[in-house]
Amino acid sequence: MSKISYNLAADRRIDRRAFAWRAGALALASLLLAGLAAANLARQRQIDRGQGGQASLQAERSDRLRAAGIRLQEEIDSWKKAWSAQLAAANRLIERKRFSFISRLDLLERAFHPGLRLQHLSMANEASGRVTMTVSAQTLNDLFSLYRELVPYDLTISNETQAQGAYQVNLSFLISNEKL
């Protein structure tokens, strides 16, 4: 069997002029596409360098802020060391001065109503001391309102008398500073 080959060309020779034009156009298109790719790559690198520059600026700023924060923390620590003795002395003074019998007198002033009269008052000058007093009242209602005010402070009623339309009573109660 013999092999059959078909040649569809008009003639067997290659048209060199058409081939050169087509090869030149193909090479020119390749060069043009390569130039565009190189231009886009250069533009992208320039953008990346700009962003890299911004990132490096941000990193430098972050490093400076971190260093400043560390420096300030060291300064704060040195001030804490320098002031710790003074702060301890001030806290001791505050602790010593924390008790004040004036706050107890303020409590009594709030508890007393217009119908009550204080005849005698004695109190210990310490944080957990008892207060004793003698009170006279015009009515029992005034006296009972005073009792209601002082009941939370361990109130003790020792002597209650009535003479000439007035009521006289001896009271004792304990106030701790935490309750004031």
Protein backbone atom coordinates (compact mmCIF):
# COMPACT_ATOMS: atom_id res chain seq x y z
CA MET A 1 0.00 0.00 0.00
CA SER A 2 1.24 3.35 -0.89
CA LYS A 3 1.06 6.42 1.21
CA ILE A 4 -1.04 9.28 -0.05
CA SER A 5 -0.02 12.83 0.84
CA TYR A 6 -2.05 15.89 0.07
CA ASN A 7 -0.56 19.31 -0.50
CA LEU A 8 -3.15 22.04 -0.49
CA ALA A 9 -0.74 24.88 -1.15
CA ALA A 10 -0.84 26.58 -4.48
CA ASP A 11 2.77 25.85 -4.97
CA ARG A 12 5.33 23.93 -2.96
CA ARG A 13 7.54 26.84 -2.16
CA ILE A 14 7.14 29.01 0.98
CA ASP A 15 6.29 32.64 0.38
CA ARG A 16 9.20 34.28 2.17
CA ARG A 17 7.80 37.77 2.08
CA ALA A 18 4.49 36.79 3.76
CA PHE A 19 6.38 34.63 6.25
CA ALA A 20 8.71 37.52 7.10
CA TRP A 21 5.78 39.88 7.61
CA ARG A 22 3.94 37.42 9.80
CA ALA A 23 7.06 36.51 11.79
CA GLY A 24 7.90 40.22 12.19
CA ALA A 25 4.36 41.04 13.35
CA LEU A 26 4.51 38.15 15.82
CA ALA A 27 7.92 39.28 17.12
CA LEU A 28 6.71 42.89 17.36
CA ALA A 29 3.60 41.80 19.28
CA SER A 30 5.79 39.71 21.61
CA LEU A 31 8.11 42.66 22.20
CA LEU A 32 5.16 44.95 22.80
CA LEU A 33 3.60 42.54 25.32
CA ALA A 34 6.99 42.05 27.03
CA GLY A 35 7.42 45.84 27.26
CA LEU A 36 3.95 46.24 28.77
CA ALA A 37 4.68 43.45 31.26
CA ALA A 38 7.99 45.08 32.23
CA ALA A 39 6.31 48.50 32.62
CA ASN A 40 3.56 47.01 34.84
CA LEU A 41 6.16 45.12 36.88
CA ALA A 42 8.22 48.30 37.38
CA ARG A 43 5.08 50.23 38.39
CA GLN A 44 4.12 47.48 40.84
CA ARG A 45 7.61 47.47 42.34
CA GLN A 46 7.45 51.24 42.77
CA ILE A 47 4.09 50.91 44.56
CA ASP A 48 5.51 48.13 46.73
CA ARG A 49 8.55 50.28 47.55
CA GLY A 50 6.25 53.16 48.50
CA GLN A 51 4.19 50.90 50.73
CA GLY A 52 7.35 49.35 52.09
CA GLY A 53 8.61 52.84 52.89
CA GLN A 54 5.38 53.62 54.70
CA ALA A 55 5.56 50.32 56.55
CA SER A 56 9.14 51.03 57.56
CA LEU A 57 8.10 54.52 58.73
CA GLN A 58 5.29 52.96 60.74
CA ALA A 59 7.72 50.40 62.18
CA GLU A 60 10.16 53.18 63.10
CA ARG A 61 7.35 55.18 64.76
CA SER A 62 6.20 52.09 66.61
CA ASP A 63 9.75 51.41 67.82
CA ARG A 64 10.17 55.02 68.96
CA LEU A 65 6.84 54.92 70.82
CA ARG A 66 7.73 51.61 72.43
CA ALA A 67 11.13 53.00 73.52
CA ALA A 68 9.45 56.14 74.89
CA GLY A 69 6.94 53.98 76.78
CA ILE A 70 9.71 51.89 78.29
CA ARG A 71 11.61 55.06 79.26
CA LEU A 72 8.51 56.56 80.86
CA GLN A 73 7.77 53.32 82.73
CA GLU A 74 11.33 53.32 84.07
CA GLU A 75 10.88 56.94 85.14
CA ILE A 76 7.60 56.09 86.86
CA ASP A 77 9.27 53.18 88.65
CA SER A 78 12.09 55.43 89.84
CA TRP A 79 9.54 57.98 91.14
CA LYS A 80 7.66 55.17 92.89
CA LYS A 81 10.85 54.09 94.62
CA ALA A 82 11.65 57.67 95.61
CA TRP A 83 8.17 58.38 96.93
CA SER A 84 7.41 55.05 98.58
CA ALA A 85 8.87 56.14 101.93
CA GLN A 86 6.97 59.44 101.82
CA LEU A 87 3.77 57.64 100.82
CA ALA A 88 4.17 55.17 103.69
CA ALA A 89 4.65 58.05 106.15
CA ALA A 90 1.56 59.83 104.78
CA ASN A 91 -0.49 56.62 105.04
CA ARG A 92 0.62 56.19 108.66
CA LEU A 93 -0.52 59.75 109.42
CA ILE A 94 -3.86 59.12 107.74
CA GLU A 95 -4.31 55.88 109.66
CA ARG A 96 -3.51 57.60 112.93
CA LYS A 97 -5.85 60.49 112.17
CA ARG A 98 -8.67 58.31 110.81
CA PHE A 99 -10.59 58.28 114.09
CA SER A 100 -12.35 61.52 114.85
CA PHE A 101 -14.99 62.02 117.51
CA ILE A 102 -16.40 64.89 115.41
CA SER A 103 -18.13 62.35 113.17
CA ARG A 104 -19.87 60.99 116.29
CA LEU A 105 -21.06 64.47 117.18
CA ASP A 106 -22.36 64.84 113.62
CA LEU A 107 -24.33 61.61 114.06
CA LEU A 108 -25.84 62.90 117.31
CA GLU A 109 -26.72 66.20 115.66
CA ARG A 110 -28.58 64.36 112.88
CA ALA A 111 -30.36 62.10 115.40
CA PHE A 112 -31.62 64.87 117.70
CA HIS A 113 -34.96 66.52 116.93
CA PRO A 114 -36.22 69.92 118.15
CA GLY A 115 -38.08 68.42 121.14
CA LEU A 116 -34.93 66.84 122.62
CA ARG A 117 -32.33 68.39 124.91
CA LEU A 118 -28.89 67.01 125.70
CA GLN A 119 -28.01 67.47 129.39
CA HIS A 120 -24.84 65.44 129.71
CA LEU A 121 -22.48 63.79 127.19
CA SER A 122 -19.33 61.75 127.64
CA MET A 123 -17.42 59.74 125.07
CA ALA A 124 -14.15 57.88 124.95
CA ASN A 125 -11.55 59.26 122.55
CA GLU A 126 -10.91 55.99 120.79
CA ALA A 127 -12.29 54.23 117.73
CA SER A 128 -14.48 51.72 119.60
CA GLY A 129 -15.42 53.74 122.68
CA ARG A 130 -18.88 54.00 124.21
CA VAL A 131 -20.91 57.19 124.25
CA THR A 132 -23.05 57.90 127.33
CA MET A 133 -25.49 60.78 127.60
CA THR A 134 -28.45 62.10 129.51
CA VAL A 135 -31.33 63.37 127.38
CA SER A 136 -34.56 65.10 128.27
CA ALA A 137 -37.62 65.18 125.99
CA GLN A 138 -40.98 66.92 126.01
CA THR A 139 -42.90 63.94 124.58
CA LEU A 140 -42.47 60.20 124.36
CA ASN A 141 -42.67 60.39 120.54
CA ASP A 142 -39.52 62.56 120.45
CA LEU A 143 -37.77 60.08 122.73
CA PHE A 144 -38.85 57.08 120.64
CA SER A 145 -37.62 58.73 117.42
CA LEU A 146 -34.20 59.12 119.09
CA TYR A 147 -34.31 55.45 120.11
CA ARG A 148 -35.03 54.45 116.49
CA GLU A 149 -32.04 56.48 115.28
CA LEU A 150 -29.65 54.92 117.82
CA VAL A 151 -30.84 51.27 117.81
CA PRO A 152 -28.32 50.17 115.12
CA TYR A 153 -25.48 51.28 117.44
CA ASP A 154 -26.06 48.84 120.31
CA LEU A 155 -28.30 51.19 122.31
CA THR A 156 -28.66 50.61 126.06
CA ILE A 157 -31.33 52.49 128.03
CA SER A 158 -30.39 52.58 131.69
CA ASN A 159 -32.70 54.97 133.53
CA GLU A 160 -35.94 56.53 132.34
CA THR A 161 -37.84 58.97 134.58
CA GLN A 162 -40.69 61.44 134.22
CA ALA A 163 -40.70 64.67 136.20
CA GLN A 164 -42.76 67.86 135.69
CA GLY A 165 -44.03 66.85 132.23
CA ALA A 166 -40.57 66.04 130.81
CA TYR A 167 -38.96 62.68 130.30
CA GLN A 168 -35.34 62.15 131.25
CA VAL A 169 -33.31 59.12 130.16
CA ASN A 170 -29.72 57.88 130.42
CA LEU A 171 -28.48 56.29 127.17
CA SER A 172 -25.34 54.40 126.22
CA PHE A 173 -24.35 53.20 122.76
CA LEU A 174 -21.32 52.02 120.84
CA ILE A 175 -20.34 53.42 117.43
CA SER A 176 -17.53 51.98 115.38
CA ASN A 177 -15.95 54.09 112.65
CA GLU A 178 -17.03 51.63 109.99
CA LYS A 179 -20.70 52.38 110.68
CA LEU A 180 -20.30 56.15 110.26
